[in-house]
Amino acid sequence: MIKALAQVNIGDQFKLGDKPGSPAIAGVPALQSIGGFVSSVLPNIYVIAGIILFVLLLVSGLLFIISAGKGDEEAAKKYQKTITASLIGFLIIFGSYWIMEIIRTVTGIEILTGGGL
């Protein structure tokens, strides 16, 4: 059982590594350069951040409604601040994605797909 768990290729599970047909930068495979590693990891980070954002908004929204219904103003303010912070986090994630898209458009470097130049 332990041997089977050790044989799981994390790169296959999280889309890490060279994609078929994608050029390597100067002949270096994607995970052997810092840029290739970042390009391989970034799409997964955006997915994880989106899931965390959704759960945070859902839970804090429900708790805000519950605390406001009970008349607990302290808790309602706390959850309102949590909702505001998560929306600011969403704007940061959204902005960083579009900054990378602008860089891709201007330079032609595929940051989020790991394709290199």
PDB file of N, CA and C in Angstrom:
ATOM      1  N   MET A   1       0.821  -1.192   0.000  1.00  0.00           N
ATOM      2  CA  MET A   1       0.000   0.000   0.000  1.00  0.00           C
ATOM      3  C   MET A   1       0.865   1.256   0.000  1.00  0.00           C
ATOM      4  N   ILE A   2       1.912   1.266   0.812  1.00  0.00           N
ATOM      5  CA  ILE A   2       2.780   2.433   0.870  1.00  0.00           C
ATOM      6  C   ILE A   2       3.515   2.614  -0.449  1.00  0.00           C
ATOM      7  N   LYS A   3       3.908   1.519  -1.058  1.00  0.00           N
ATOM      8  CA  LYS A   3       4.611   1.604  -2.330  1.00  0.00           C
ATOM      9  C   LYS A   3       3.701   2.195  -3.406  1.00  0.00           C
ATOM     10  N   ALA A   4       2.437   1.859  -3.396  1.00  0.00           N
ATOM     11  CA  ALA A   4       1.502   2.401  -4.384  1.00  0.00           C
ATOM     12  C   ALA A   4       1.322   3.902  -4.187  1.00  0.00           C
ATOM     13  N   LEU A   5       1.287   4.364  -2.940  1.00  0.00           N
ATOM     14  CA  LEU A   5       1.149   5.791  -2.688  1.00  0.00           C
ATOM     15  C   LEU A   5       2.398   6.548  -3.112  1.00  0.00           C
ATOM     16  N   ALA A   6       3.551   5.907  -2.979  1.00  0.00           N
ATOM     17  CA  ALA A   6       4.796   6.563  -3.351  1.00  0.00           C
ATOM     18  C   ALA A   6       4.931   6.691  -4.867  1.00  0.00           C
ATOM     19  N   GLN A   7       4.154   5.946  -5.617  1.00  0.00           N
ATOM     20  CA  GLN A   7       4.267   5.968  -7.067  1.00  0.00           C
ATOM     21  C   GLN A   7       3.341   6.987  -7.723  1.00  0.00           C
ATOM     22  N   VAL A   8       2.632   7.757  -6.935  1.00  0.00           N
ATOM     23  CA  VAL A   8       1.760   8.788  -7.497  1.00  0.00           C
ATOM     24  C   VAL A   8       2.635   9.920  -8.014  1.00  0.00           C
ATOM     25  N   ASN A   9       2.421  10.296  -9.261  1.00  0.00           N
ATOM     26  CA  ASN A   9       3.181  11.381  -9.861  1.00  0.00           C
ATOM     27  C   ASN A   9       2.421  12.681  -9.630  1.00  0.00           C
ATOM     28  N   ILE A  10       2.948  13.512  -8.735  1.00  0.00           N
ATOM     29  CA  ILE A  10       2.277  14.761  -8.395  1.00  0.00           C
ATOM     30  C   ILE A  10       2.216  15.679  -9.613  1.00  0.00           C
ATOM     31  N   GLY A  11       3.209  15.627 -10.463  1.00  0.00           N
ATOM     32  CA  GLY A  11       3.214  16.456 -11.661  1.00  0.00           C
ATOM     33  C   GLY A  11       2.041  16.163 -12.565  1.00  0.00           C
ATOM     34  N   ASP A  12       1.637  14.897 -12.663  1.00  0.00           N
ATOM     35  CA  ASP A  12       0.467  14.563 -13.467  1.00  0.00           C
ATOM     36  C   ASP A  12      -0.821  15.061 -12.816  1.00  0.00           C
ATOM     37  N   GLN A  13      -0.877  15.030 -11.500  1.00  0.00           N
ATOM     38  CA  GLN A  13      -2.084  15.419 -10.794  1.00  0.00           C
ATOM     39  C   GLN A  13      -2.315  16.926 -10.843  1.00  0.00           C
ATOM     40  N   PHE A  14      -1.239  17.707 -10.795  1.00  0.00           N
ATOM     41  CA  PHE A  14      -1.362  19.156 -10.721  1.00  0.00           C
ATOM     42  C   PHE A  14      -0.887  19.870 -11.979  1.00  0.00           C
ATOM     43  N   LYS A  15      -0.855  19.168 -13.103  1.00  0.00           N
ATOM     44  CA  LYS A  15      -0.493  19.743 -14.397  1.00  0.00           C
ATOM     45  C   LYS A  15       0.904  20.343 -14.399  1.00  0.00           C
ATOM     46  N   LEU A  16       1.838  19.729 -13.691  1.00  0.00           N
ATOM     47  CA  LEU A  16       3.208  20.203 -13.694  1.00  0.00           C
ATOM     48  C   LEU A  16       4.000  19.447 -14.747  1.00  0.00           C
ATOM     49  N   GLY A  17       4.948  20.096 -15.331  1.00  0.00           N
ATOM     50  CA  GLY A  17       5.816  19.434 -16.293  1.00  0.00           C
ATOM     51  C   GLY A  17       5.583  19.934 -17.693  1.00  0.00           C
ATOM     52  N   ASP A  18       6.343  19.375 -18.628  1.00  0.00           N
ATOM     53  CA  ASP A  18       6.233  19.777 -20.024  1.00  0.00           C
ATOM     54  C   ASP A  18       4.920  19.295 -20.607  1.00  0.00           C
ATOM     55  N   LYS A  19       4.324  20.145 -21.391  1.00  0.00           N
ATOM     56  CA  LYS A  19       3.128  19.765 -22.126  1.00  0.00           C
ATOM     57  C   LYS A  19       3.576  19.306 -23.506  1.00  0.00           C
ATOM     58  N   PRO A  20       2.935  18.307 -24.065  1.00  0.00           N
ATOM     59  CA  PRO A  20       3.332  17.857 -25.398  1.00  0.00           C
ATOM     60  C   PRO A  20       3.208  18.998 -26.409  1.00  0.00           C
ATOM     61  N   GLY A  21       4.267  19.208 -27.147  1.00  0.00           N
ATOM     62  CA  GLY A  21       4.255  20.223 -28.182  1.00  0.00           C
ATOM     63  C   GLY A  21       4.640  21.604 -27.710  1.00  0.00           C
ATOM     64  N   SER A  22       4.864  21.780 -26.403  1.00  0.00           N
ATOM     65  CA  SER A  22       5.262  23.109 -25.932  1.00  0.00           C
ATOM     66  C   SER A  22       6.781  23.208 -25.967  1.00  0.00           C
ATOM     67  N   PRO A  23       7.296  24.304 -26.514  1.00  0.00           N
ATOM     68  CA  PRO A  23       8.748  24.434 -26.616  1.00  0.00           C
ATOM     69  C   PRO A  23       9.378  24.701 -25.258  1.00  0.00           C
ATOM     70  N   ALA A  24      10.539  24.120 -25.016  1.00  0.00           N
ATOM     71  CA  ALA A  24      11.277  24.392 -23.791  1.00  0.00           C
ATOM     72  C   ALA A  24      12.164  25.604 -24.027  1.00  0.00           C
ATOM     73  N   ILE A  25      12.417  26.366 -23.003  1.00  0.00           N
ATOM     74  CA  ILE A  25      13.257  27.548 -23.126  1.00  0.00           C
ATOM     75  C   ILE A  25      14.705  27.086 -23.206  1.00  0.00           C
ATOM     76  N   ALA A  26      15.360  27.362 -24.320  1.00  0.00           N
ATOM     77  CA  ALA A  26      16.762  27.012 -24.565  1.00  0.00           C
ATOM     78  C   ALA A  26      17.019  25.534 -24.308  1.00  0.00           C
ATOM     79  N   GLY A  27      16.068  24.689 -24.625  1.00  0.00           N
ATOM     80  CA  GLY A  27      16.245  23.251 -24.486  1.00  0.00           C
ATOM     81  C   GLY A  27      16.107  22.730 -23.065  1.00  0.00           C
ATOM     82  N   VAL A  28      15.719  23.589 -22.119  1.00  0.00           N
ATOM     83  CA  VAL A  28      15.571  23.177 -20.720  1.00  0.00           C
ATOM     84  C   VAL A  28      14.121  22.814 -20.475  1.00  0.00           C
ATOM     85  N   PRO A  29      13.831  21.613 -19.974  1.00  0.00           N
ATOM     86  CA  PRO A  29      12.442  21.249 -19.675  1.00  0.00           C
ATOM     87  C   PRO A  29      11.826  22.215 -18.666  1.00  0.00           C
ATOM     88  N   ALA A  30      10.506  22.260 -18.639  1.00  0.00           N
ATOM     89  CA  ALA A  30       9.772  23.275 -17.880  1.00  0.00           C
ATOM     90  C   ALA A  30      10.138  23.297 -16.406  1.00  0.00           C
ATOM     91  N   LEU A  31      10.257  22.165 -15.762  1.00  0.00           N
ATOM     92  CA  LEU A  31      10.485  22.170 -14.322  1.00  0.00           C
ATOM     93  C   LEU A  31      11.951  22.286 -13.952  1.00  0.00           C
ATOM     94  N   GLN A  32      12.836  22.451 -14.920  1.00  0.00           N
ATOM     95  CA  GLN A  32      14.242  22.627 -14.603  1.00  0.00           C
ATOM     96  C   GLN A  32      14.666  24.087 -14.683  1.00  0.00           C
ATOM     97  N   SER A  33      13.723  24.974 -14.924  1.00  0.00           N
ATOM     98  CA  SER A  33      14.010  26.401 -14.887  1.00  0.00           C
ATOM     99  C   SER A  33      13.000  27.066 -13.967  1.00  0.00           C
ATOM    100  N   ILE A  34      13.394  28.173 -13.386  1.00  0.00           N
ATOM    101  CA  ILE A  34      12.499  28.868 -12.460  1.00  0.00           C
ATOM    102  C   ILE A  34      11.259  29.375 -13.196  1.00  0.00           C
ATOM    103  N   GLY A  35      11.456  29.914 -14.381  1.00  0.00           N
ATOM    104  CA  GLY A  35      10.317  30.413 -15.150  1.00  0.00           C
ATOM    105  C   GLY A  35       9.346  29.314 -15.522  1.00  0.00           C
ATOM    106  N   GLY A  36       9.862  28.149 -15.899  1.00  0.00           N
ATOM    107  CA  GLY A  36       8.997  27.021 -16.231  1.00  0.00           C
ATOM    108  C   GLY A  36       8.221  26.524 -15.028  1.00  0.00           C
ATOM    109  N   PHE A  37       8.893  26.509 -13.873  1.00  0.00           N
ATOM    110  CA  PHE A  37       8.215  26.079 -12.652  1.00  0.00           C
ATOM    111  C   PHE A  37       7.084  27.030 -12.290  1.00  0.00           C
ATOM    112  N   VAL A  38       7.375  28.343 -12.355  1.00  0.00           N
ATOM    113  CA  VAL A  38       6.350  29.343 -12.034  1.00  0.00           C
ATOM    114  C   VAL A  38       5.185  29.235 -13.012  1.00  0.00           C
ATOM    115  N   SER A  39       5.496  29.065 -14.296  1.00  0.00           N
ATOM    116  CA  SER A  39       4.436  28.944 -15.294  1.00  0.00           C
ATOM    117  C   SER A  39       3.603  27.687 -15.089  1.00  0.00           C
ATOM    118  N   SER A  40       4.200  26.651 -14.532  1.00  0.00           N
ATOM    119  CA  SER A  40       3.463  25.420 -14.278  1.00  0.00           C
ATOM    120  C   SER A  40       2.616  25.505 -13.021  1.00  0.00           C
ATOM    121  N   VAL A  41       3.061  26.268 -12.032  1.00  0.00           N
ATOM    122  CA  VAL A  41       2.378  26.330 -10.743  1.00  0.00           C
ATOM    123  C   VAL A  41       1.268  27.393 -10.720  1.00  0.00           C
ATOM    124  N   LEU A  42       1.445  28.496 -11.444  1.00  0.00           N
ATOM    125  CA  LEU A  42       0.491  29.615 -11.371  1.00  0.00           C
ATOM    126  C   LEU A  42      -0.953  29.240 -11.675  1.00  0.00           C
ATOM    127  N   PRO A  43      -1.250  28.486 -12.731  1.00  0.00           N
ATOM    128  CA  PRO A  43      -2.669  28.147 -12.961  1.00  0.00           C
ATOM    129  C   PRO A  43      -3.289  27.391 -11.792  1.00  0.00           C
ATOM    130  N   ASN A  44      -2.509  26.539 -11.130  1.00  0.00           N
ATOM    131  CA  ASN A  44      -3.022  25.804  -9.977  1.00  0.00           C
ATOM    132  C   ASN A  44      -3.264  26.735  -8.790  1.00  0.00           C
ATOM    133  N   ILE A  45      -2.417  27.735  -8.632  1.00  0.00           N
ATOM    134  CA  ILE A  45      -2.591  28.691  -7.541  1.00  0.00           C
ATOM    135  C   ILE A  45      -3.878  29.495  -7.746  1.00  0.00           C
ATOM    136  N   TYR A  46      -4.166  29.869  -8.980  1.00  0.00           N
ATOM    137  CA  TYR A  46      -5.393  30.613  -9.248  1.00  0.00           C
ATOM    138  C   TYR A  46      -6.634  29.769  -8.947  1.00  0.00           C
ATOM    139  N   VAL A  47      -6.588  28.498  -9.251  1.00  0.00           N
ATOM    140  CA  VAL A  47      -7.723  27.621  -8.954  1.00  0.00           C
ATOM    141  C   VAL A  47      -7.911  27.497  -7.446  1.00  0.00           C
ATOM    142  N   ILE A  48      -6.829  27.272  -6.725  1.00  0.00           N
ATOM    143  CA  ILE A  48      -6.906  27.129  -5.265  1.00  0.00           C
ATOM    144  C   ILE A  48      -7.387  28.436  -4.631  1.00  0.00           C
ATOM    145  N   ALA A  49      -6.868  29.579  -5.103  1.00  0.00           N
ATOM    146  CA  ALA A  49      -7.302  30.871  -4.564  1.00  0.00           C
ATOM    147  C   ALA A  49      -8.779  31.112  -4.835  1.00  0.00           C
ATOM    148  N   GLY A  50      -9.263  30.699  -5.998  1.00  0.00           N
ATOM    149  CA  GLY A  50     -10.681  30.846  -6.307  1.00  0.00           C
ATOM    150  C   GLY A  50     -11.567  30.004  -5.405  1.00  0.00           C
ATOM    151  N   ILE A  51     -11.129  28.796  -5.122  1.00  0.00           N
ATOM    152  CA  ILE A  51     -11.897  27.916  -4.232  1.00  0.00           C
ATOM    153  C   ILE A  51     -11.927  28.490  -2.821  1.00  0.00           C
ATOM    154  N   ILE A  52     -10.776  28.956  -2.341  1.00  0.00           N
ATOM    155  CA  ILE A  52     -10.717  29.548  -1.001  1.00  0.00           C
ATOM    156  C   ILE A  52     -11.599  30.796  -0.931  1.00  0.00           C
ATOM    157  N   LEU A  53     -11.554  31.618  -1.967  1.00  0.00           N
ATOM    158  CA  LEU A  53     -12.379  32.824  -2.015  1.00  0.00           C
ATOM    159  C   LEU A  53     -13.856  32.472  -1.961  1.00  0.00           C
ATOM    160  N   PHE A  54     -14.279  31.488  -2.741  1.00  0.00           N
ATOM    161  CA  PHE A  54     -15.688  31.086  -2.758  1.00  0.00           C
ATOM    162  C   PHE A  54     -16.144  30.601  -1.391  1.00  0.00           C
ATOM    163  N   VAL A  55     -15.355  29.737  -0.766  1.00  0.00           N
ATOM    164  CA  VAL A  55     -15.723  29.198   0.548  1.00  0.00           C
ATOM    165  C   VAL A  55     -15.756  30.315   1.590  1.00  0.00           C
ATOM    166  N   LEU A  56     -14.772  31.201   1.538  1.00  0.00           N
ATOM    167  CA  LEU A  56     -14.718  32.294   2.503  1.00  0.00           C
ATOM    168  C   LEU A  56     -15.925  33.220   2.364  1.00  0.00           C
ATOM    169  N   LEU A  57     -16.272  33.556   1.136  1.00  0.00           N
ATOM    170  CA  LEU A  57     -17.452  34.406   0.928  1.00  0.00           C
ATOM    171  C   LEU A  57     -18.737  33.715   1.357  1.00  0.00           C
ATOM    172  N   LEU A  58     -18.867  32.440   1.040  1.00  0.00           N
ATOM    173  CA  LEU A  58     -20.070  31.695   1.384  1.00  0.00           C
ATOM    174  C   LEU A  58     -20.244  31.584   2.897  1.00  0.00           C
ATOM    175  N   VAL A  59     -19.202  31.160   3.586  1.00  0.00           N
ATOM    176  CA  VAL A  59     -19.295  30.955   5.033  1.00  0.00           C
ATOM    177  C   VAL A  59     -19.463  32.283   5.760  1.00  0.00           C
ATOM    178  N   SER A  60     -18.653  33.278   5.405  1.00  0.00           N
ATOM    179  CA  SER A  60     -18.774  34.556   6.117  1.00  0.00           C
ATOM    180  C   SER A  60     -20.100  35.248   5.791  1.00  0.00           C
ATOM    181  N   GLY A  61     -20.623  35.083   4.597  1.00  0.00           N
ATOM    182  CA  GLY A  61     -21.930  35.638   4.269  1.00  0.00           C
ATOM    183  C   GLY A  61     -23.040  35.006   5.087  1.00  0.00           C
ATOM    184  N   LEU A  62     -22.998  33.678   5.192  1.00  0.00           N
ATOM    185  CA  LEU A  62     -24.012  32.994   6.003  1.00  0.00           C
ATOM    186  C   LEU A  62     -23.906  33.380   7.469  1.00  0.00           C
ATOM    187  N   LEU A  63     -22.679  33.437   7.995  1.00  0.00           N
ATOM    188  CA  LEU A  63     -22.514  33.820   9.395  1.00  0.00           C
ATOM    189  C   LEU A  63     -22.912  35.274   9.630  1.00  0.00           C
ATOM    190  N   PHE A  64     -22.700  36.133   8.646  1.00  0.00           N
ATOM    191  CA  PHE A  64     -23.143  37.530   8.752  1.00  0.00           C
ATOM    192  C   PHE A  64     -24.664  37.594   8.855  1.00  0.00           C
ATOM    193  N   ILE A  65     -25.339  36.832   8.007  1.00  0.00           N
ATOM    194  CA  ILE A  65     -26.804  36.819   8.033  1.00  0.00           C
ATOM    195  C   ILE A  65     -27.320  36.270   9.362  1.00  0.00           C
ATOM    196  N   ILE A  66     -26.704  35.206   9.848  1.00  0.00           N
ATOM    197  CA  ILE A  66     -27.131  34.605  11.117  1.00  0.00           C
ATOM    198  C   ILE A  66     -26.904  35.572  12.277  1.00  0.00           C
ATOM    199  N   SER A  67     -25.708  36.191  12.319  1.00  0.00           N
ATOM    200  CA  SER A  67     -25.423  37.099  13.437  1.00  0.00           C
ATOM    201  C   SER A  67     -26.279  38.357  13.369  1.00  0.00           C
ATOM    202  N   ALA A  68     -26.583  38.842  12.172  1.00  0.00           N
ATOM    203  CA  ALA A  68     -27.455  40.014  12.052  1.00  0.00           C
ATOM    204  C   ALA A  68     -28.880  39.653  12.462  1.00  0.00           C
ATOM    205  N   GLY A  69     -29.300  38.432  12.174  1.00  0.00           N
ATOM    206  CA  GLY A  69     -30.638  37.993  12.564  1.00  0.00           C
ATOM    207  C   GLY A  69     -30.788  37.855  14.057  1.00  0.00           C
ATOM    208  N   LYS A  70     -29.697  37.507  14.746  1.00  0.00           N
ATOM    209  CA  LYS A  70     -29.730  37.382  16.200  1.00  0.00           C
ATOM    210  C   LYS A  70     -29.596  38.739  16.891  1.00  0.00           C
ATOM    211  N   GLY A  71     -29.212  39.761  16.128  1.00  0.00           N
ATOM    212  CA  GLY A  71     -29.040  41.085  16.721  1.00  0.00           C
ATOM    213  C   GLY A  71     -27.662  41.309  17.312  1.00  0.00           C
ATOM    214  N   ASP A  72     -26.703  40.441  17.014  1.00  0.00           N
ATOM    215  CA  ASP A  72     -25.333  40.571  17.525  1.00  0.00           C
ATOM    216  C   ASP A  72     -24.534  41.470  16.579  1.00  0.00           C
ATOM    217  N   GLU A  73     -24.445  42.764  16.932  1.00  0.00           N
ATOM    218  CA  GLU A  73     -23.788  43.725  16.041  1.00  0.00           C
ATOM    219  C   GLU A  73     -22.285  43.507  15.960  1.00  0.00           C
ATOM    220  N   GLU A  74     -21.660  43.081  17.032  1.00  0.00           N
ATOM    221  CA  GLU A  74     -20.210  42.847  17.033  1.00  0.00           C
ATOM    222  C   GLU A  74     -19.833  41.762  16.029  1.00  0.00           C
ATOM    223  N   ALA A  75     -20.550  40.648  16.084  1.00  0.00           N
ATOM    224  CA  ALA A  75     -20.263  39.552  15.161  1.00  0.00           C
ATOM    225  C   ALA A  75     -20.598  39.947  13.728  1.00  0.00           C
ATOM    226  N   ALA A  76     -21.669  40.694  13.542  1.00  0.00           N
ATOM    227  CA  ALA A  76     -22.049  41.130  12.199  1.00  0.00           C
ATOM    228  C   ALA A  76     -20.969  42.027  11.600  1.00  0.00           C
ATOM    229  N   LYS A  77     -20.403  42.926  12.392  1.00  0.00           N
ATOM    230  CA  LYS A  77     -19.322  43.786  11.914  1.00  0.00           C
ATOM    231  C   LYS A  77     -18.079  42.965  11.574  1.00  0.00           C
ATOM    232  N   LYS A  78     -17.809  41.951  12.401  1.00  0.00           N
ATOM    233  CA  LYS A  78     -16.640  41.100  12.154  1.00  0.00           C
ATOM    234  C   LYS A  78     -16.784  40.368  10.827  1.00  0.00           C
ATOM    235  N   TYR A  79     -17.944  39.798  10.573  1.00  0.00           N
ATOM    236  CA  TYR A  79     -18.149  39.063   9.323  1.00  0.00           C
ATOM    237  C   TYR A  79     -18.248  40.002   8.126  1.00  0.00           C
ATOM    238  N   GLN A  80     -18.727  41.210   8.356  1.00  0.00           N
ATOM    239  CA  GLN A  80     -18.751  42.187   7.270  1.00  0.00           C
ATOM    240  C   GLN A  80     -17.326  42.567   6.873  1.00  0.00           C
ATOM    241  N   LYS A  81     -16.432  42.692   7.854  1.00  0.00           N
ATOM    242  CA  LYS A  81     -15.026  42.963   7.549  1.00  0.00           C
ATOM    243  C   LYS A  81     -14.386  41.788   6.820  1.00  0.00           C
ATOM    244  N   THR A  82     -14.780  40.568   7.176  1.00  0.00           N
ATOM    245  CA  THR A  82     -14.257  39.386   6.494  1.00  0.00           C
ATOM    246  C   THR A  82     -14.708  39.363   5.036  1.00  0.00           C
ATOM    247  N   ILE A  83     -15.948  39.705   4.792  1.00  0.00           N
ATOM    248  CA  ILE A  83     -16.456  39.751   3.417  1.00  0.00           C
ATOM    249  C   ILE A  83     -15.719  40.831   2.623  1.00  0.00           C
ATOM    250  N   THR A  84     -15.508  41.983   3.230  1.00  0.00           N
ATOM    251  CA  THR A  84     -14.786  43.064   2.559  1.00  0.00           C
ATOM    252  C   THR A  84     -13.360  42.652   2.239  1.00  0.00           C
ATOM    253  N   ALA A  85     -12.692  42.006   3.182  1.00  0.00           N
ATOM    254  CA  ALA A  85     -11.315  41.563   2.951  1.00  0.00           C
ATOM    255  C   ALA A  85     -11.243  40.514   1.852  1.00  0.00           C
ATOM    256  N   SER A  86     -12.211  39.618   1.806  1.00  0.00           N
ATOM    257  CA  SER A  86     -12.188  38.593   0.759  1.00  0.00           C
ATOM    258  C   SER A  86     -12.469  39.197  -0.613  1.00  0.00           C
ATOM    259  N   LEU A  87     -13.311  40.229  -0.680  1.00  0.00           N
ATOM    260  CA  LEU A  87     -13.546  40.907  -1.957  1.00  0.00           C
ATOM    261  C   LEU A  87     -12.316  41.697  -2.412  1.00  0.00           C
ATOM    262  N   ILE A  88     -11.588  42.276  -1.476  1.00  0.00           N
ATOM    263  CA  ILE A  88     -10.326  42.937  -1.820  1.00  0.00           C
ATOM    264  C   ILE A  88      -9.318  41.906  -2.323  1.00  0.00           C
ATOM    265  N   GLY A  89      -9.287  40.737  -1.688  1.00  0.00           N
ATOM    266  CA  GLY A  89      -8.429  39.648  -2.164  1.00  0.00           C
ATOM    267  C   GLY A  89      -8.798  39.207  -3.566  1.00  0.00           C
ATOM    268  N   PHE A  90     -10.106  39.169  -3.845  1.00  0.00           N
ATOM    269  CA  PHE A  90     -10.548  38.829  -5.201  1.00  0.00           C
ATOM    270  C   PHE A  90     -10.033  39.846  -6.210  1.00  0.00           C
ATOM    271  N   LEU A  91     -10.112  41.128  -5.866  1.00  0.00           N
ATOM    272  CA  LEU A  91      -9.618  42.159  -6.775  1.00  0.00           C
ATOM    273  C   LEU A  91      -8.116  42.031  -7.014  1.00  0.00           C
ATOM    274  N   ILE A  92      -7.371  41.652  -5.985  1.00  0.00           N
ATOM    275  CA  ILE A  92      -5.928  41.443  -6.142  1.00  0.00           C
ATOM    276  C   ILE A  92      -5.654  40.264  -7.067  1.00  0.00           C
ATOM    277  N   ILE A  93      -6.362  39.156  -6.866  1.00  0.00           N
ATOM    278  CA  ILE A  93      -6.191  37.980  -7.730  1.00  0.00           C
ATOM    279  C   ILE A  93      -6.571  38.318  -9.165  1.00  0.00           C
ATOM    280  N   PHE A  94      -7.698  38.979  -9.341  1.00  0.00           N
ATOM    281  CA  PHE A  94      -8.179  39.358 -10.667  1.00  0.00           C
ATOM    282  C   PHE A  94      -7.178  40.295 -11.352  1.00  0.00           C
ATOM    283  N   GLY A  95      -6.674  41.269 -10.604  1.00  0.00           N
ATOM    284  CA  GLY A  95      -5.696  42.202 -11.156  1.00  0.00           C
ATOM    285  C   GLY A  95      -4.400  41.523 -11.552  1.00  0.00           C
ATOM    286  N   SER A  96      -3.917  40.601 -10.725  1.00  0.00           N
ATOM    287  CA  SER A  96      -2.669  39.912 -11.056  1.00  0.00           C
ATOM    288  C   SER A  96      -2.828  39.049 -12.301  1.00  0.00           C
ATOM    289  N   TYR A  97      -3.994  38.430 -12.453  1.00  0.00           N
ATOM    290  CA  TYR A  97      -4.247  37.633 -13.662  1.00  0.00           C
ATOM    291  C   TYR A  97      -4.186  38.519 -14.899  1.00  0.00           C
ATOM    292  N   TRP A  98      -4.825  39.675 -14.850  1.00  0.00           N
ATOM    293  CA  TRP A  98      -4.843  40.542 -16.026  1.00  0.00           C
ATOM    294  C   TRP A  98      -3.508  41.215 -16.273  1.00  0.00           C
ATOM    295  N   ILE A  99      -2.732  41.454 -15.233  1.00  0.00           N
ATOM    296  CA  ILE A  99      -1.371  41.959 -15.441  1.00  0.00           C
ATOM    297  C   ILE A  99      -0.543  40.930 -16.205  1.00  0.00           C
ATOM    298  N   MET A 100      -0.688  39.657 -15.841  1.00  0.00           N
ATOM    299  CA  MET A 100       0.040  38.609 -16.570  1.00  0.00           C
ATOM    300  C   MET A 100      -0.453  38.469 -17.997  1.00  0.00           C
ATOM    301  N   GLU A 101      -1.748  38.675 -18.221  1.00  0.00           N
ATOM    302  CA  GLU A 101      -2.270  38.638 -19.591  1.00  0.00           C
ATOM    303  C   GLU A 101      -1.733  39.810 -20.416  1.00  0.00           C
ATOM    304  N   ILE A 102      -1.597  40.971 -19.791  1.00  0.00           N
ATOM    305  CA  ILE A 102      -1.020  42.120 -20.497  1.00  0.00           C
ATOM    306  C   ILE A 102       0.439  41.851 -20.833  1.00  0.00           C
ATOM    307  N   ILE A 103       1.183  41.278 -19.890  1.00  0.00           N
ATOM    308  CA  ILE A 103       2.582  40.917 -20.162  1.00  0.00           C
ATOM    309  C   ILE A 103       2.657  39.921 -21.304  1.00  0.00           C
ATOM    310  N   ARG A 104       1.753  38.944 -21.319  1.00  0.00           N
ATOM    311  CA  ARG A 104       1.732  37.958 -22.397  1.00  0.00           C
ATOM    312  C   ARG A 104       1.462  38.621 -23.735  1.00  0.00           C
ATOM    313  N   THR A 105       0.532  39.563 -23.756  1.00  0.00           N
ATOM    314  CA  THR A 105       0.190  40.238 -25.007  1.00  0.00           C
ATOM    315  C   THR A 105       1.350  41.099 -25.507  1.00  0.00           C
ATOM    316  N   VAL A 106       1.998  41.816 -24.601  1.00  0.00           N
ATOM    317  CA  VAL A 106       3.071  42.721 -24.996  1.00  0.00           C
ATOM    318  C   VAL A 106       4.341  41.962 -25.391  1.00  0.00           C
ATOM    319  N   THR A 107       4.722  40.956 -24.588  1.00  0.00           N
ATOM    320  CA  THR A 107       6.000  40.274 -24.815  1.00  0.00           C
ATOM    321  C   THR A 107       5.873  38.988 -25.613  1.00  0.00           C
ATOM    322  N   GLY A 108       4.715  38.371 -25.603  1.00  0.00           N
ATOM    323  CA  GLY A 108       4.546  37.098 -26.291  1.00  0.00           C
ATOM    324  C   GLY A 108       4.957  35.897 -25.458  1.00  0.00           C
ATOM    325  N   ILE A 109       5.311  36.107 -24.209  1.00  0.00           N
ATOM    326  CA  ILE A 109       5.725  35.013 -23.325  1.00  0.00           C
ATOM    327  C   ILE A 109       4.480  34.402 -22.702  1.00  0.00           C
ATOM    328  N   GLU A 110       4.328  33.105 -22.855  1.00  0.00           N
ATOM    329  CA  GLU A 110       3.171  32.387 -22.290  1.00  0.00           C
ATOM    330  C   GLU A 110       3.454  32.075 -20.825  1.00  0.00           C
ATOM    331  N   ILE A 111       2.984  32.932 -19.927  1.00  0.00           N
ATOM    332  CA  ILE A 111       3.246  32.760 -18.498  1.00  0.00           C
ATOM    333  C   ILE A 111       2.347  31.675 -17.919  1.00  0.00           C
ATOM    334  N   LEU A 112       1.065  31.725 -18.198  1.00  0.00           N
ATOM    335  CA  LEU A 112       0.115  30.816 -17.557  1.00  0.00           C
ATOM    336  C   LEU A 112       0.018  29.453 -18.232  1.00  0.00           C
ATOM    337  N   THR A 113       0.540  29.307 -19.427  1.00  0.00           N
ATOM    338  CA  THR A 113       0.445  28.011 -20.096  1.00  0.00           C
ATOM    339  C   THR A 113       1.757  27.250 -20.079  1.00  0.00           C
ATOM    340  N   GLY A 114       2.830  27.873 -19.637  1.00  0.00           N
ATOM    341  CA  GLY A 114       4.103  27.180 -19.540  1.00  0.00           C
ATOM    342  C   GLY A 114       4.754  26.930 -20.880  1.00  0.00           C
ATOM    343  N   GLY A 115       4.358  27.652 -21.905  1.00  0.00           N
ATOM    344  CA  GLY A 115       4.883  27.409 -23.234  1.00  0.00           C
ATOM    345  C   GLY A 115       6.206  28.059 -23.530  1.00  0.00           C
ATOM    346  N   GLY A 116       6.641  28.984 -22.721  1.00  0.00           N
ATOM    347  CA  GLY A 116       7.893  29.675 -22.991  1.00  0.00           C
ATOM    348  C   GLY A 116       7.696  30.732 -24.059  1.00  0.00           C
ATOM    349  N   LEU A 117       8.760  31.026 -24.784  1.00  0.00           N
ATOM    350  CA  LEU A 117       8.700  32.061 -25.830  1.00  0.00           C
ATOM    351  C   LEU A 117       8.003  31.592 -27.056  1.00  0.00           C
TER     352      LEU A 117
END
